[in-house]
């Protein structure tokens, strides 16, 4: 029974904080709002682009400004999402050594951005399935994405792991009845205090020994 490893994207496989920060601050500037720090914007990440912009616009957020801001963000981010984004240390090498597993990505990032990012960083080929925040009617923590990946890979729930940097990922795994693993280097790790994962790793390369234990 091959393990199925399902990864979050931002804050887990890729460090995209600088490009997301620049893109969000560009949108804020268009609405006369001051720049925010990386850490402030990191707290907005994880629930999809629409929620990111709603949080970023703060007191300026209404249905009209959020929709306008979202379209501006998607256009700007499409052009700049790989300016400073990179894989976390050990990701490429570890994925290469996990070829005896079935690998997938489940993110709340829009699917076309997710695929373009994985391809641009040279790791798209490792994944049997990639699903984004607009792939289904419901985003994480709804378990629909995990169920689809299990169907795609003929995987078994008892051999499946959801790996991410936030409570959203832990809740998604719990909702699907699979093992959860948190990474301590990501964006929303403080949320693990409320939703602790089954396992925690400090470096991506630690995943290999954990899976094969």
C-alpha atoms as a PDB file:
ATOM      1  CA  UNK A   1       0.000   0.000   0.000  1.00  0.00           C
ATOM      2  CA  UNK A   2       1.738   3.148  -1.222  1.00  0.00           C
ATOM      3  CA  UNK A   3       1.530   6.173   1.070  1.00  0.00           C
ATOM      4  CA  UNK A   4      -0.346   9.156  -0.378  1.00  0.00           C
ATOM      5  CA  UNK A   5       1.246  12.459   0.648  1.00  0.00           C
ATOM      6  CA  UNK A   6      -0.898  15.567   0.120  1.00  0.00           C
ATOM      7  CA  UNK A   7       0.910  18.887   0.463  1.00  0.00           C
ATOM      8  CA  UNK A   8      -0.224  22.426   1.028  1.00  0.00           C
ATOM      9  CA  UNK A   9       1.681  24.857  -1.219  1.00  0.00           C
ATOM     10  CA  UNK A  10       2.438  28.310   0.262  1.00  0.00           C
ATOM     11  CA  UNK A  11       4.312  28.003   3.535  1.00  0.00           C
ATOM     12  CA  UNK A  12       4.871  24.264   3.064  1.00  0.00           C
ATOM     13  CA  UNK A  13       6.570  23.582  -0.278  1.00  0.00           C
ATOM     14  CA  UNK A  14       7.305  27.155  -1.339  1.00  0.00           C
ATOM     15  CA  UNK A  15       8.306  30.343   0.417  1.00  0.00           C
ATOM     16  CA  UNK A  16       6.154  32.839  -1.458  1.00  0.00           C
ATOM     17  CA  UNK A  17       5.864  35.401   1.317  1.00  0.00           C
ATOM     18  CA  UNK A  18       7.883  38.165  -0.373  1.00  0.00           C
ATOM     19  CA  UNK A  19       5.935  38.066  -3.634  1.00  0.00           C
ATOM     20  CA  UNK A  20       2.589  37.816  -1.850  1.00  0.00           C
ATOM     21  CA  UNK A  21       3.596  40.741   0.379  1.00  0.00           C
ATOM     22  CA  UNK A  22       4.591  42.866  -2.605  1.00  0.00           C
ATOM     23  CA  UNK A  23       1.365  42.018  -4.444  1.00  0.00           C
ATOM     24  CA  UNK A  24      -0.888  42.696  -1.467  1.00  0.00           C
ATOM     25  CA  UNK A  25       0.873  45.977  -0.714  1.00  0.00           C
ATOM     26  CA  UNK A  26       0.471  47.002  -4.364  1.00  0.00           C
ATOM     27  CA  UNK A  27      -3.285  46.482  -4.007  1.00  0.00           C
ATOM     28  CA  UNK A  28      -3.377  48.344  -0.700  1.00  0.00           C
ATOM     29  CA  UNK A  29      -1.556  51.268  -2.305  1.00  0.00           C
ATOM     30  CA  UNK A  30      -4.240  51.456  -4.998  1.00  0.00           C
ATOM     31  CA  UNK A  31      -6.808  52.003  -2.250  1.00  0.00           C
ATOM     32  CA  UNK A  32      -4.723  54.538  -0.331  1.00  0.00           C
ATOM     33  CA  UNK A  33      -3.726  52.113   2.419  1.00  0.00           C
ATOM     34  CA  UNK A  34      -0.209  51.937   3.898  1.00  0.00           C
ATOM     35  CA  UNK A  35       2.111  48.980   3.410  1.00  0.00           C
ATOM     36  CA  UNK A  36       1.998  46.035   5.793  1.00  0.00           C
ATOM     37  CA  UNK A  37       4.903  43.839   6.884  1.00  0.00           C
ATOM     38  CA  UNK A  38       5.513  40.274   5.690  1.00  0.00           C
ATOM     39  CA  UNK A  39       4.415  38.900   9.041  1.00  0.00           C
ATOM     40  CA  UNK A  40       1.187  40.902   8.999  1.00  0.00           C
ATOM     41  CA  UNK A  41       0.316  39.710   5.500  1.00  0.00           C
ATOM     42  CA  UNK A  42       1.330  36.126   6.298  1.00  0.00           C
ATOM     43  CA  UNK A  43      -1.610  35.999   8.698  1.00  0.00           C
ATOM     44  CA  UNK A  44      -3.963  36.679   5.765  1.00  0.00           C
ATOM     45  CA  UNK A  45      -2.750  33.645   3.780  1.00  0.00           C
ATOM     46  CA  UNK A  46      -4.368  30.222   3.691  1.00  0.00           C
ATOM     47  CA  UNK A  47      -8.049  30.734   2.909  1.00  0.00           C
ATOM     48  CA  UNK A  48      -7.836  31.617  -0.776  1.00  0.00           C
ATOM     49  CA  UNK A  49      -7.324  34.782  -2.832  1.00  0.00           C
ATOM     50  CA  UNK A  50     -10.744  36.311  -2.163  1.00  0.00           C
ATOM     51  CA  UNK A  51     -10.296  36.130   1.611  1.00  0.00           C
ATOM     52  CA  UNK A  52      -6.720  37.381   1.262  1.00  0.00           C
ATOM     53  CA  UNK A  53      -7.929  40.549  -0.449  1.00  0.00           C
ATOM     54  CA  UNK A  54     -10.854  40.996   1.932  1.00  0.00           C
ATOM     55  CA  UNK A  55      -8.437  40.905   4.868  1.00  0.00           C
ATOM     56  CA  UNK A  56      -5.895  43.090   3.076  1.00  0.00           C
ATOM     57  CA  UNK A  57      -8.399  45.860   2.374  1.00  0.00           C
ATOM     58  CA  UNK A  58      -9.539  45.885   6.019  1.00  0.00           C
ATOM     59  CA  UNK A  59     -11.762  48.911   6.599  1.00  0.00           C
ATOM     60  CA  UNK A  60     -11.952  49.600   2.839  1.00  0.00           C
ATOM     61  CA  UNK A  61     -13.427  46.139   2.164  1.00  0.00           C
ATOM     62  CA  UNK A  62     -16.908  45.923   0.684  1.00  0.00           C
ATOM     63  CA  UNK A  63     -18.308  43.769  -2.109  1.00  0.00           C
ATOM     64  CA  UNK A  64     -17.275  46.257  -4.785  1.00  0.00           C
ATOM     65  CA  UNK A  65     -13.754  47.020  -3.551  1.00  0.00           C
ATOM     66  CA  UNK A  66     -13.006  43.358  -2.806  1.00  0.00           C
ATOM     67  CA  UNK A  67     -13.975  42.264  -6.319  1.00  0.00           C
ATOM     68  CA  UNK A  68     -12.011  45.128  -7.888  1.00  0.00           C
ATOM     69  CA  UNK A  69      -9.040  44.443  -5.633  1.00  0.00           C
ATOM     70  CA  UNK A  70      -9.159  40.727  -6.382  1.00  0.00           C
ATOM     71  CA  UNK A  71      -8.954  41.268 -10.147  1.00  0.00           C
ATOM     72  CA  UNK A  72      -6.091  43.730  -9.691  1.00  0.00           C
ATOM     73  CA  UNK A  73      -4.310  41.282  -7.386  1.00  0.00           C
ATOM     74  CA  UNK A  74      -4.691  38.332  -9.761  1.00  0.00           C
ATOM     75  CA  UNK A  75      -3.303  40.362 -12.665  1.00  0.00           C
ATOM     76  CA  UNK A  76      -0.378  41.736 -10.663  1.00  0.00           C
ATOM     77  CA  UNK A  77       0.456  38.474  -8.927  1.00  0.00           C
ATOM     78  CA  UNK A  78       0.365  36.533 -12.203  1.00  0.00           C
ATOM     79  CA  UNK A  79       3.203  38.736 -13.475  1.00  0.00           C
ATOM     80  CA  UNK A  80       5.249  38.731 -10.264  1.00  0.00           C
ATOM     81  CA  UNK A  81       4.584  35.466  -8.410  1.00  0.00           C
ATOM     82  CA  UNK A  82       8.023  34.004  -9.146  1.00  0.00           C
ATOM     83  CA  UNK A  83      10.089  37.162  -8.667  1.00  0.00           C
ATOM     84  CA  UNK A  84      11.382  36.099  -5.243  1.00  0.00           C
ATOM     85  CA  UNK A  85       9.491  32.873  -4.524  1.00  0.00           C
ATOM     86  CA  UNK A  86      11.580  29.743  -3.964  1.00  0.00           C
ATOM     87  CA  UNK A  87      11.349  26.201  -2.673  1.00  0.00           C
ATOM     88  CA  UNK A  88      12.037  25.682   0.997  1.00  0.00           C
ATOM     89  CA  UNK A  89      15.362  23.949   1.746  1.00  0.00           C
ATOM     90  CA  UNK A  90      15.253  20.221   1.105  1.00  0.00           C
ATOM     91  CA  UNK A  91      11.982  20.186  -0.836  1.00  0.00           C
ATOM     92  CA  UNK A  92      13.338  19.225  -4.250  1.00  0.00           C
ATOM     93  CA  UNK A  93      15.700  16.566  -2.919  1.00  0.00           C
ATOM     94  CA  UNK A  94      13.115  15.059  -0.580  1.00  0.00           C
ATOM     95  CA  UNK A  95      10.397  14.878  -3.241  1.00  0.00           C
ATOM     96  CA  UNK A  96      12.895  13.084  -5.443  1.00  0.00           C
ATOM     97  CA  UNK A  97      13.467  10.493  -2.713  1.00  0.00           C
ATOM     98  CA  UNK A  98       9.733   9.981  -2.106  1.00  0.00           C
ATOM     99  CA  UNK A  99       9.109   8.364  -5.479  1.00  0.00           C
ATOM    100  CA  UNK A 100       7.775   5.262  -3.730  1.00  0.00           C
ATOM    101  CA  UNK A 101       4.856   7.432  -2.539  1.00  0.00           C
ATOM    102  CA  UNK A 102       1.997   9.036  -4.450  1.00  0.00           C
ATOM    103  CA  UNK A 103       2.351  12.799  -4.150  1.00  0.00           C
ATOM    104  CA  UNK A 104      -0.318  15.481  -4.550  1.00  0.00           C
ATOM    105  CA  UNK A 105      -0.904  19.181  -3.836  1.00  0.00           C
ATOM    106  CA  UNK A 106      -4.071  20.572  -2.267  1.00  0.00           C
ATOM    107  CA  UNK A 107      -3.992  24.335  -1.803  1.00  0.00           C
ATOM    108  CA  UNK A 108      -6.477  27.166  -1.479  1.00  0.00           C
ATOM    109  CA  UNK A 109      -4.409  29.129  -4.031  1.00  0.00           C
ATOM    110  CA  UNK A 110      -6.146  29.396  -7.442  1.00  0.00           C
ATOM    111  CA  UNK A 111      -5.321  26.335  -9.527  1.00  0.00           C
ATOM    112  CA  UNK A 112      -3.706  28.097 -12.506  1.00  0.00           C
ATOM    113  CA  UNK A 113      -1.316  29.969 -10.217  1.00  0.00           C
ATOM    114  CA  UNK A 114      -0.532  26.768  -8.339  1.00  0.00           C
ATOM    115  CA  UNK A 115       0.334  24.801 -11.466  1.00  0.00           C
ATOM    116  CA  UNK A 116       2.376  27.675 -12.915  1.00  0.00           C
ATOM    117  CA  UNK A 117       4.316  28.022  -9.655  1.00  0.00           C
ATOM    118  CA  UNK A 118       5.044  24.294  -9.358  1.00  0.00           C
ATOM    119  CA  UNK A 119       6.140  24.212 -12.990  1.00  0.00           C
ATOM    120  CA  UNK A 120       8.261  27.358 -12.699  1.00  0.00           C
ATOM    121  CA  UNK A 121      10.054  25.934  -9.656  1.00  0.00           C
ATOM    122  CA  UNK A 122      10.693  22.617 -11.383  1.00  0.00           C
ATOM    123  CA  UNK A 123       8.643  20.255  -9.220  1.00  0.00           C
ATOM    124  CA  UNK A 124       5.297  19.920 -11.034  1.00  0.00           C
ATOM    125  CA  UNK A 125       6.345  16.538 -12.449  1.00  0.00           C
ATOM    126  CA  UNK A 126       6.445  14.936  -9.005  1.00  0.00           C
ATOM    127  CA  UNK A 127       2.702  15.231  -8.400  1.00  0.00           C
ATOM    128  CA  UNK A 128       0.016  12.813  -9.500  1.00  0.00           C
ATOM    129  CA  UNK A 129      -2.672  15.409  -8.762  1.00  0.00           C
ATOM    130  CA  UNK A 130      -2.821  19.156  -8.093  1.00  0.00           C
ATOM    131  CA  UNK A 131      -5.974  20.929  -6.907  1.00  0.00           C
ATOM    132  CA  UNK A 132      -6.491  24.573  -5.988  1.00  0.00           C
ATOM    133  CA  UNK A 133      -8.958  26.766  -4.185  1.00  0.00           C
ATOM    134  CA  UNK A 134     -11.224  27.031  -7.230  1.00  0.00           C
ATOM    135  CA  UNK A 135     -11.062  23.349  -8.220  1.00  0.00           C
ATOM    136  CA  UNK A 136     -14.141  22.455  -6.148  1.00  0.00           C
ATOM    137  CA  UNK A 137     -17.190  24.207  -4.773  1.00  0.00           C
ATOM    138  CA  UNK A 138     -15.617  24.086  -1.303  1.00  0.00           C
ATOM    139  CA  UNK A 139     -12.097  25.018  -0.177  1.00  0.00           C
ATOM    140  CA  UNK A 140     -10.042  23.500   2.623  1.00  0.00           C
ATOM    141  CA  UNK A 141     -10.869  22.627   5.402  1.00  0.00           C
ATOM    142  CA  UNK A 142     -13.633  20.859   3.490  1.00  0.00           C
ATOM    143  CA  UNK A 143     -12.229  17.372   2.752  1.00  0.00           C
ATOM    144  CA  UNK A 144     -13.530  17.173  -0.844  1.00  0.00           C
ATOM    145  CA  UNK A 145     -10.022  17.684  -2.263  1.00  0.00           C
ATOM    146  CA  UNK A 146      -8.575  14.814  -0.257  1.00  0.00           C
ATOM    147  CA  UNK A 147     -11.411  12.547  -1.339  1.00  0.00           C
ATOM    148  CA  UNK A 148     -10.747  13.423  -4.989  1.00  0.00           C
ATOM    149  CA  UNK A 149      -7.025  12.783  -4.600  1.00  0.00           C
ATOM    150  CA  UNK A 150      -7.710   9.400  -2.982  1.00  0.00           C
ATOM    151  CA  UNK A 151      -9.913   8.561  -5.959  1.00  0.00           C
ATOM    152  CA  UNK A 152      -7.294   9.790  -8.459  1.00  0.00           C
ATOM    153  CA  UNK A 153      -4.490   7.772  -6.853  1.00  0.00           C
ATOM    154  CA  UNK A 154      -6.458   4.707  -5.731  1.00  0.00           C
ATOM    155  CA  UNK A 155      -5.138   5.638  -2.301  1.00  0.00           C
ATOM    156  CA  UNK A 156      -6.198   4.387   1.103  1.00  0.00           C
ATOM    157  CA  UNK A 157      -7.188   6.750   3.883  1.00  0.00           C
ATOM    158  CA  UNK A 158      -5.125   4.890   6.489  1.00  0.00           C
ATOM    159  CA  UNK A 159      -1.967   5.430   4.408  1.00  0.00           C
ATOM    160  CA  UNK A 160      -2.658   9.087   3.560  1.00  0.00           C
ATOM    161  CA  UNK A 161      -1.020  12.189   5.045  1.00  0.00           C
ATOM    162  CA  UNK A 162      -2.038  15.841   4.862  1.00  0.00           C
ATOM    163  CA  UNK A 163       1.049  18.042   5.284  1.00  0.00           C
ATOM    164  CA  UNK A 164       0.821  21.796   5.799  1.00  0.00           C
ATOM    165  CA  UNK A 165       1.654  24.858   7.854  1.00  0.00           C
ATOM    166  CA  UNK A 166      -1.711  25.802   9.344  1.00  0.00           C
ATOM    167  CA  UNK A 167      -4.774  24.729  11.266  1.00  0.00           C
ATOM    168  CA  UNK A 168      -6.643  24.772   7.948  1.00  0.00           C
ATOM    169  CA  UNK A 169      -4.507  21.836   6.790  1.00  0.00           C
ATOM    170  CA  UNK A 170      -4.897  19.974  10.079  1.00  0.00           C
ATOM    171  CA  UNK A 171      -8.666  20.428  10.008  1.00  0.00           C
ATOM    172  CA  UNK A 172      -8.782  19.266   6.379  1.00  0.00           C
ATOM    173  CA  UNK A 173      -6.901  16.112   7.271  1.00  0.00           C
ATOM    174  CA  UNK A 174      -9.041  15.508  10.347  1.00  0.00           C
ATOM    175  CA  UNK A 175     -12.226  16.000   8.341  1.00  0.00           C
ATOM    176  CA  UNK A 176     -11.036  13.376   5.862  1.00  0.00           C
ATOM    177  CA  UNK A 177      -9.811  10.970   8.526  1.00  0.00           C
ATOM    178  CA  UNK A 178      -6.145  10.977   7.458  1.00  0.00           C
ATOM    179  CA  UNK A 179      -2.864  11.521   9.328  1.00  0.00           C
ATOM    180  CA  UNK A 180      -1.748  15.142   9.680  1.00  0.00           C
ATOM    181  CA  UNK A 181       1.768  16.583   9.737  1.00  0.00           C
ATOM    182  CA  UNK A 182       2.620  20.217  10.407  1.00  0.00           C
ATOM    183  CA  UNK A 183       5.735  22.097   9.318  1.00  0.00           C
ATOM    184  CA  UNK A 184       7.058  24.569  11.879  1.00  0.00           C
ATOM    185  CA  UNK A 185       8.723  26.918   9.364  1.00  0.00           C
ATOM    186  CA  UNK A 186       5.550  28.089   7.567  1.00  0.00           C
ATOM    187  CA  UNK A 187       3.246  31.089   7.844  1.00  0.00           C
ATOM    188  CA  UNK A 188       0.453  30.064  10.205  1.00  0.00           C
ATOM    189  CA  UNK A 189       2.153  27.718  12.630  1.00  0.00           C
ATOM    190  CA  UNK A 190       0.734  29.513  15.680  1.00  0.00           C
ATOM    191  CA  UNK A 191      -2.636  28.065  14.698  1.00  0.00           C
ATOM    192  CA  UNK A 192      -1.280  24.616  15.607  1.00  0.00           C
ATOM    193  CA  UNK A 193      -1.802  25.587  19.243  1.00  0.00           C
ATOM    194  CA  UNK A 194      -5.545  25.230  18.723  1.00  0.00           C
ATOM    195  CA  UNK A 195      -5.375  22.409  16.180  1.00  0.00           C
ATOM    196  CA  UNK A 196      -2.231  20.352  16.844  1.00  0.00           C
ATOM    197  CA  UNK A 197      -1.245  17.968  14.035  1.00  0.00           C
ATOM    198  CA  UNK A 198      -0.382  14.321  14.634  1.00  0.00           C
ATOM    199  CA  UNK A 199       3.270  15.073  13.817  1.00  0.00           C
ATOM    200  CA  UNK A 200       5.478  18.152  13.537  1.00  0.00           C
ATOM    201  CA  UNK A 201       8.649  18.583  11.494  1.00  0.00           C
ATOM    202  CA  UNK A 202      11.137  21.467  11.577  1.00  0.00           C
ATOM    203  CA  UNK A 203      12.711  20.775   8.170  1.00  0.00           C
ATOM    204  CA  UNK A 204      11.097  19.350   5.054  1.00  0.00           C
ATOM    205  CA  UNK A 205      13.736  16.624   4.755  1.00  0.00           C
ATOM    206  CA  UNK A 206      12.542  15.116   8.052  1.00  0.00           C
ATOM    207  CA  UNK A 207       9.422  13.947   6.244  1.00  0.00           C
ATOM    208  CA  UNK A 208      11.167  11.037   4.548  1.00  0.00           C
ATOM    209  CA  UNK A 209      12.142   9.278   7.789  1.00  0.00           C
ATOM    210  CA  UNK A 210       8.720  10.008   9.299  1.00  0.00           C
ATOM    211  CA  UNK A 211       6.822   8.474   6.388  1.00  0.00           C
ATOM    212  CA  UNK A 212       9.069   5.421   6.248  1.00  0.00           C
ATOM    213  CA  UNK A 213       9.211   4.839  10.020  1.00  0.00           C
END
